[in-house]
Amino acid sequence: MLRRTGVRYKFFEMGKLNVRIHELEFKNPVTVASGTFGFGLEMSEFFNLSLLGGIFVKGLTVKNREGNDYPRMAETASGMLNSVGLQNKGIDYFRDFIYPKIKDFDTHIIANINGSTIEEYVEVAEKLNDLDRVTAVELNISCPNVREGGLHFGISCPSAIAVTKAVRRACNKTLIVKLSPNVTDIAEIAMAVEGAGADSLSLINTLLGMAVNAETRKPVLSTVTGGLSGPAIKPVALRMVWKVYKAVKIPLFGIGGIMNATDAIEFILAGSSAVQVGTANFIDPLISLKIIKGIEEYLDRHGIESVTELIGGLEA
């Protein structure tokens, strides 16, 4: 039983909630999105992290990154903008100081990796290979490719294929590719990275947006534009998950404005095998547990034996 915050949770009914992503068995379909949950250490004060299906840890790069100048976050109608800029202390710091503290969490630990060149992605992936408790790698292809004038790896099939193939060769873990929604046809990119060796896909990453201060006549964010997340992007994310589900054979993680169990179930019906909870973590640290409980109650209410029966069950 969980008592740390005055809220009590039992361990959920495992068989009903189990889902499979490639070769990995998840105890339930609810995970937390990279960049919204730190490395898990910060949230372990609130609840037992073993109740989660998995933790996508804060994004990792080859070397220390200070991130973008402040202000780099802004609240918007039904969501938020962020341009944190992948602030982290680098993969070596993660290996030496963070991993020893999180390796005993009884849940899947998934490393989100980033780079400005293919070689940087490969280096980070290789340094994760011997960390047994990191069970999967999430390849973020929404990063700017410095050799292509800053264009993101994920906006064209050739660059998405190139980075996925390179990391696939270097990585001995389940490979999840995180797709950008800022493209003409996300299904085309999805099929391309599936062919290049992806075992699973995460979608969607944030939508590009901006905020303006009318009084100062200046952008709110120091970088002018940033990534929009939260409930505002949910209809777009659902549409993209549904479209990609029909185009590929590999399992999907649905992301985008999931604030409650109903949102999560909608993503599963659209084709997600599992979901990632992001912006909602900033509002309620216990939201993921409430979503797991809500999914379990939905299954009981409808007489459904397994959450897997819902995957792609949208009648459209």
Foldseek 3Di string as FASTA:
>chain_A
DKPLVPDDDDQDDQQFAWFDAQPDIFSHQEEADAPFCAQVPVLVSPTQQLSGREYAHHEAWAAADQFDDPPAKADDVQWIFGRRHSGDGHLVCCVPPVLVVCLPRNHAYEYEYDDQALVGRLVSQLSCQPSVSNAEYEYEQQFFNVVVVGHTQQADLVSLLVSLLSSQVRHPHQYEYEHEPPYDARLVNLVSSVVSPHQEYEDHWFDKDWAADPVVRGTNGPVRIGGIAAQVCLVVQLVNLLVNQVRDDGAYEGGGHDQALVSQLSSQLSAHSHYHYHPNCVVPVCRSVRNRVVVSVVCVVVVHRHSNVRGNNDDD
